[in-house]
Amino acid sequence: MPNIASILKVEISRVARKEVRAEIETLKKASVVHRAAIAELRRQVNALEKELRRVAKGAIRPATAPDADDEAAAGTKRRFSPTRLAAHREKLGLSAASYGQLVGVSGQTIYHWEQGKARPRAAQLESLAVVRDLGARQVVERLAER
């Protein structure tokens, strides 16, 4: 005759495994759903980051380019080069502050333009073009007037 204690122990183990298996199945299903949701959210975040980079890249370009209205008013499109600005300032032997007085901006602005940290607006490009056309004597005369 079988031992009742061992039969009871086997039956309890079987029922416990059955209950645990049922609980684990619901957890597995929830886990699958959550993993799918996480994967979808990651795809959305990547797509949004990519879109943000594209928009930020596009926002930088128009901000640095002169407006079409300003170009039409000026008649010609002016180009700007930080290295050429620095070379012209050194050629004239002027400090950034003095060169800034000629253009109508601060010396710090001239430094930022030369380092490429900022770009002049259309009106400032016109002022730079005027200063660019001046000779050394004319530059000295203009600085003496101020």
Protein backbone atom coordinates (compact mmCIF):
# COMPACT_ATOMS: atom_id res chain seq x y z
CA MET A 1 0.00 0.00 0.00
CA PRO A 2 1.41 3.36 -0.97
CA ASN A 3 2.49 5.78 1.64
CA ILE A 4 -0.16 8.50 1.98
CA ALA A 5 2.44 11.11 2.93
CA SER A 6 4.43 10.57 -0.28
CA ILE A 7 1.25 10.62 -2.43
CA LEU A 8 0.13 13.83 -0.72
CA LYS A 9 3.58 15.36 -1.26
CA VAL A 10 3.56 14.45 -4.98
CA GLU A 11 0.04 15.82 -5.42
CA ILE A 12 0.88 19.08 -3.66
CA SER A 13 3.95 19.50 -5.88
CA ARG A 14 1.86 18.86 -9.01
CA VAL A 15 -0.81 21.40 -8.03
CA ALA A 16 1.82 23.96 -7.03
CA ARG A 17 3.61 23.57 -10.41
CA LYS A 18 0.28 23.95 -12.21
CA GLU A 19 -0.54 27.16 -10.32
CA VAL A 20 2.95 28.57 -10.80
CA ARG A 21 2.85 27.73 -14.52
CA ALA A 22 -0.46 29.61 -14.88
CA GLU A 23 0.96 32.67 -13.09
CA ILE A 24 4.16 32.56 -15.14
CA GLU A 25 2.18 32.41 -18.39
CA THR A 26 0.37 35.64 -17.56
CA LEU A 27 3.69 37.27 -16.62
CA LYS A 28 5.29 36.06 -19.86
CA LYS A 29 2.41 37.50 -21.89
CA ALA A 30 2.68 40.83 -20.05
CA SER A 31 6.44 40.80 -20.57
CA VAL A 32 6.02 40.27 -24.32
CA VAL A 33 3.55 43.15 -24.51
CA HIS A 34 5.85 45.43 -22.52
CA ARG A 35 8.89 44.54 -24.63
CA ALA A 36 6.96 45.30 -27.81
CA ALA A 37 5.85 48.65 -26.38
CA ILE A 38 9.42 49.48 -25.35
CA ALA A 39 10.72 48.60 -28.81
CA GLU A 40 8.07 50.83 -30.42
CA LEU A 41 8.92 53.70 -28.09
CA ARG A 42 12.63 53.33 -28.92
CA ARG A 43 11.80 53.50 -32.63
CA GLN A 44 9.74 56.63 -32.03
CA VAL A 45 12.53 58.26 -29.99
CA ASN A 46 15.08 57.49 -32.72
CA ALA A 47 12.78 58.89 -35.39
CA LEU A 48 12.15 62.05 -33.35
CA GLU A 49 15.87 62.54 -32.66
CA LYS A 50 16.59 62.16 -36.35
CA GLU A 51 13.87 64.69 -37.18
CA LEU A 52 15.21 67.07 -34.54
CA ARG A 53 18.72 66.88 -36.00
CA ARG A 54 17.30 67.52 -39.47
CA VAL A 55 15.27 70.51 -38.28
CA ALA A 56 18.15 71.93 -36.24
CA LYS A 57 20.47 71.58 -39.21
CA GLY A 58 17.95 73.37 -41.42
CA ALA A 59 17.39 76.11 -38.84
CA ILE A 60 21.10 76.93 -38.70
CA ARG A 61 21.50 77.41 -42.42
CA PRO A 62 18.76 80.00 -43.01
CA ALA A 63 19.83 81.95 -39.93
CA THR A 64 23.34 82.38 -41.33
CA ALA A 65 22.24 83.25 -44.85
CA PRO A 66 21.11 86.81 -45.57
CA ASP A 67 17.42 87.39 -46.17
CA ALA A 68 16.18 87.57 -49.75
CA ASP A 69 14.64 91.00 -49.07
CA ASP A 70 17.97 92.34 -47.83
CA GLU A 71 19.76 90.95 -50.90
CA ALA A 72 17.29 92.58 -53.25
CA ALA A 73 17.62 95.92 -51.44
CA ALA A 74 21.41 95.74 -51.47
CA GLY A 75 21.53 94.78 -55.13
CA THR A 76 24.31 92.24 -54.73
CA LYS A 77 24.84 89.27 -52.51
CA ARG A 78 27.72 89.77 -50.10
CA ARG A 79 29.94 86.90 -49.03
CA PHE A 80 31.72 86.72 -45.71
CA SER A 81 34.93 85.00 -44.70
CA PRO A 82 36.26 85.16 -41.14
CA THR A 83 39.86 84.60 -42.25
CA ARG A 84 39.68 87.39 -44.83
CA LEU A 85 38.25 89.77 -42.23
CA ALA A 86 41.14 88.99 -39.87
CA ALA A 87 43.67 89.35 -42.68
CA HIS A 88 42.24 92.73 -43.73
CA ARG A 89 42.24 93.99 -40.14
CA GLU A 90 45.87 92.92 -39.68
CA LYS A 91 46.83 94.42 -43.04
CA LEU A 92 45.51 97.77 -41.86
CA GLY A 93 47.25 97.28 -38.49
CA LEU A 94 44.06 97.94 -36.52
CA SER A 95 42.82 96.51 -33.28
CA ALA A 96 39.46 94.78 -33.25
CA ALA A 97 37.98 97.74 -31.37
CA SER A 98 39.21 100.23 -33.98
CA TYR A 99 38.00 98.06 -36.83
CA GLY A 100 34.69 97.71 -35.01
CA GLN A 101 34.37 101.51 -34.84
CA LEU A 102 34.74 101.69 -38.61
CA VAL A 103 32.08 99.03 -39.15
CA GLY A 104 29.79 100.28 -36.39
CA VAL A 105 30.05 97.30 -34.02
CA SER A 106 32.06 96.43 -30.92
CA GLY A 107 35.52 94.95 -30.90
CA GLN A 108 34.12 91.79 -29.31
CA THR A 109 31.79 91.37 -32.28
CA ILE A 110 34.77 91.61 -34.63
CA TYR A 111 36.53 88.86 -32.63
CA HIS A 112 33.44 86.65 -32.82
CA TRP A 113 33.22 87.18 -36.58
CA GLU A 114 36.89 86.35 -37.04
CA GLN A 115 36.58 83.18 -34.97
CA GLY A 116 33.47 82.08 -36.84
CA LYS A 117 31.30 82.13 -33.71
CA ALA A 118 28.93 84.63 -35.33
CA ARG A 119 28.16 86.05 -38.74
CA PRO A 120 27.37 89.65 -39.66
CA ARG A 121 23.87 90.63 -40.75
CA ALA A 122 23.20 92.03 -44.22
CA ALA A 123 23.52 95.67 -43.11
CA GLN A 124 26.78 94.86 -41.35
CA LEU A 125 28.05 93.11 -44.48
CA GLU A 126 27.47 96.34 -46.37
CA SER A 127 29.44 98.26 -43.72
CA LEU A 128 32.24 95.70 -44.01
CA ALA A 129 32.25 96.13 -47.79
CA VAL A 130 32.56 99.90 -47.38
CA VAL A 131 35.49 99.50 -44.97
CA ARG A 132 37.04 96.93 -47.29
CA ASP A 133 37.13 99.51 -50.08
CA LEU A 134 38.90 102.10 -47.93
CA GLY A 135 42.62 102.64 -48.13
CA ALA A 136 44.94 102.94 -45.14
CA ARG A 137 44.90 106.76 -45.20
CA GLN A 138 41.13 106.90 -45.41
CA VAL A 139 40.87 104.49 -42.48
CA VAL A 140 43.12 106.75 -40.37
CA GLU A 141 41.03 109.80 -41.35
CA ARG A 142 37.78 108.08 -40.42
CA LEU A 143 39.15 106.96 -37.06
CA ALA A 144 40.42 110.48 -36.37
CA GLU A 145 36.90 111.83 -37.03
CA ARG A 146 35.40 109.59 -34.36
